[in-house]
């Protein structure tokens, strides 16, 4: 059974394979399409430049948590004004 790997697991795998001398094409083939060739290439370039895979946070403001409690808090704050 093939388990779905988390991004961090994939990054570790790419890092260790790259450090052991595997080519980008071989790493891509070994991952069997789990991530794109471009992603493998980008991660390998990052490893060569910085020694690690550093993903930036997604662009834009952080996500807002919309829970019933948060909605109630906002309503209470607005009703006080």
C-alpha atoms as a PDB file:
ATOM      1  CA  UNK A   1       0.000   0.000   0.000  1.00  0.00           C
ATOM      2  CA  UNK A   2       1.343   3.405  -1.000  1.00  0.00           C
ATOM      3  CA  UNK A   3       1.014   5.951   1.761  1.00  0.00           C
ATOM      4  CA  UNK A   4       0.665   9.616   0.953  1.00  0.00           C
ATOM      5  CA  UNK A   5       3.802  11.433   2.021  1.00  0.00           C
ATOM      6  CA  UNK A   6       3.806  14.848   3.611  1.00  0.00           C
ATOM      7  CA  UNK A   7       5.788  17.646   1.979  1.00  0.00           C
ATOM      8  CA  UNK A   8       8.417  17.542   4.757  1.00  0.00           C
ATOM      9  CA  UNK A   9       8.920  13.784   4.190  1.00  0.00           C
ATOM     10  CA  UNK A  10       9.345  14.367   0.455  1.00  0.00           C
ATOM     11  CA  UNK A  11      11.817  17.187   1.126  1.00  0.00           C
ATOM     12  CA  UNK A  12      13.897  14.911   3.384  1.00  0.00           C
ATOM     13  CA  UNK A  13      13.862  12.198   0.729  1.00  0.00           C
ATOM     14  CA  UNK A  14      14.930  14.609  -2.039  1.00  0.00           C
ATOM     15  CA  UNK A  15      17.638  16.049   0.239  1.00  0.00           C
ATOM     16  CA  UNK A  16      19.114  12.645   1.130  1.00  0.00           C
ATOM     17  CA  UNK A  17      18.935  11.349  -2.470  1.00  0.00           C
ATOM     18  CA  UNK A  18      20.543  14.543  -3.811  1.00  0.00           C
ATOM     19  CA  UNK A  19      23.298  14.392  -1.170  1.00  0.00           C
ATOM     20  CA  UNK A  20      24.008  10.764  -2.086  1.00  0.00           C
ATOM     21  CA  UNK A  21      24.563  11.854  -5.691  1.00  0.00           C
ATOM     22  CA  UNK A  22      21.285  10.944  -7.412  1.00  0.00           C
ATOM     23  CA  UNK A  23      20.436  13.051 -10.467  1.00  0.00           C
ATOM     24  CA  UNK A  24      17.291  15.175 -10.631  1.00  0.00           C
ATOM     25  CA  UNK A  25      15.831  12.780 -13.216  1.00  0.00           C
ATOM     26  CA  UNK A  26      16.546   9.741 -11.016  1.00  0.00           C
ATOM     27  CA  UNK A  27      15.026  11.400  -7.929  1.00  0.00           C
ATOM     28  CA  UNK A  28      11.934  12.308  -9.978  1.00  0.00           C
ATOM     29  CA  UNK A  29      11.593   8.729 -11.283  1.00  0.00           C
ATOM     30  CA  UNK A  30      12.095   7.249  -7.798  1.00  0.00           C
ATOM     31  CA  UNK A  31       9.334   9.476  -6.396  1.00  0.00           C
ATOM     32  CA  UNK A  32       7.008   8.085  -9.058  1.00  0.00           C
ATOM     33  CA  UNK A  33       5.188  11.351  -9.783  1.00  0.00           C
ATOM     34  CA  UNK A  34       4.608  12.337  -6.132  1.00  0.00           C
ATOM     35  CA  UNK A  35       5.938  15.805  -7.022  1.00  0.00           C
ATOM     36  CA  UNK A  36       6.672  17.445 -10.361  1.00  0.00           C
ATOM     37  CA  UNK A  37      10.060  17.375 -12.094  1.00  0.00           C
ATOM     38  CA  UNK A  38      10.215  21.177 -11.772  1.00  0.00           C
ATOM     39  CA  UNK A  39       9.714  20.919  -8.002  1.00  0.00           C
ATOM     40  CA  UNK A  40      12.506  18.332  -7.694  1.00  0.00           C
ATOM     41  CA  UNK A  41      14.771  20.586  -9.793  1.00  0.00           C
ATOM     42  CA  UNK A  42      13.869  23.680  -7.723  1.00  0.00           C
ATOM     43  CA  UNK A  43      14.493  21.832  -4.438  1.00  0.00           C
ATOM     44  CA  UNK A  44      17.849  20.478  -5.690  1.00  0.00           C
ATOM     45  CA  UNK A  45      18.884  24.003  -6.702  1.00  0.00           C
ATOM     46  CA  UNK A  46      17.937  25.231  -3.202  1.00  0.00           C
ATOM     47  CA  UNK A  47      20.010  22.441  -1.638  1.00  0.00           C
ATOM     48  CA  UNK A  48      23.016  23.420  -3.773  1.00  0.00           C
ATOM     49  CA  UNK A  49      22.677  27.116  -2.883  1.00  0.00           C
ATOM     50  CA  UNK A  50      21.700  26.936   0.805  1.00  0.00           C
ATOM     51  CA  UNK A  51      22.247  23.336   1.922  1.00  0.00           C
ATOM     52  CA  UNK A  52      18.551  22.919   2.707  1.00  0.00           C
ATOM     53  CA  UNK A  53      15.064  23.187   1.231  1.00  0.00           C
ATOM     54  CA  UNK A  54      13.542  26.430   2.433  1.00  0.00           C
ATOM     55  CA  UNK A  55       9.996  26.964   1.285  1.00  0.00           C
ATOM     56  CA  UNK A  56       8.634  30.446   1.688  1.00  0.00           C
ATOM     57  CA  UNK A  57       5.274  30.949   3.338  1.00  0.00           C
ATOM     58  CA  UNK A  58       2.381  31.244   0.894  1.00  0.00           C
ATOM     59  CA  UNK A  59       1.822  34.811  -0.297  1.00  0.00           C
ATOM     60  CA  UNK A  60      -0.791  37.079   1.226  1.00  0.00           C
ATOM     61  CA  UNK A  61      -2.070  37.569   4.752  1.00  0.00           C
ATOM     62  CA  UNK A  62      -2.359  34.613   7.086  1.00  0.00           C
ATOM     63  CA  UNK A  63      -5.581  32.639   6.915  1.00  0.00           C
ATOM     64  CA  UNK A  64      -8.454  33.731   9.145  1.00  0.00           C
ATOM     65  CA  UNK A  65      -9.953  31.097  11.398  1.00  0.00           C
ATOM     66  CA  UNK A  66     -13.732  31.210  11.007  1.00  0.00           C
ATOM     67  CA  UNK A  67     -15.204  29.313  13.904  1.00  0.00           C
ATOM     68  CA  UNK A  68     -18.469  29.883  15.719  1.00  0.00           C
ATOM     69  CA  UNK A  69     -16.488  31.212  18.699  1.00  0.00           C
ATOM     70  CA  UNK A  70     -14.591  33.738  16.556  1.00  0.00           C
ATOM     71  CA  UNK A  71     -17.794  34.909  14.859  1.00  0.00           C
ATOM     72  CA  UNK A  72     -19.414  35.384  18.287  1.00  0.00           C
ATOM     73  CA  UNK A  73     -16.394  37.373  19.533  1.00  0.00           C
ATOM     74  CA  UNK A  74     -16.597  39.696  16.529  1.00  0.00           C
ATOM     75  CA  UNK A  75     -20.361  40.133  16.953  1.00  0.00           C
ATOM     76  CA  UNK A  76     -19.880  40.953  20.650  1.00  0.00           C
ATOM     77  CA  UNK A  77     -17.160  43.496  19.869  1.00  0.00           C
ATOM     78  CA  UNK A  78     -19.318  45.131  17.200  1.00  0.00           C
ATOM     79  CA  UNK A  79     -22.432  45.245  19.389  1.00  0.00           C
ATOM     80  CA  UNK A  80     -20.503  47.018  22.198  1.00  0.00           C
ATOM     81  CA  UNK A  81     -19.682  49.961  19.906  1.00  0.00           C
END
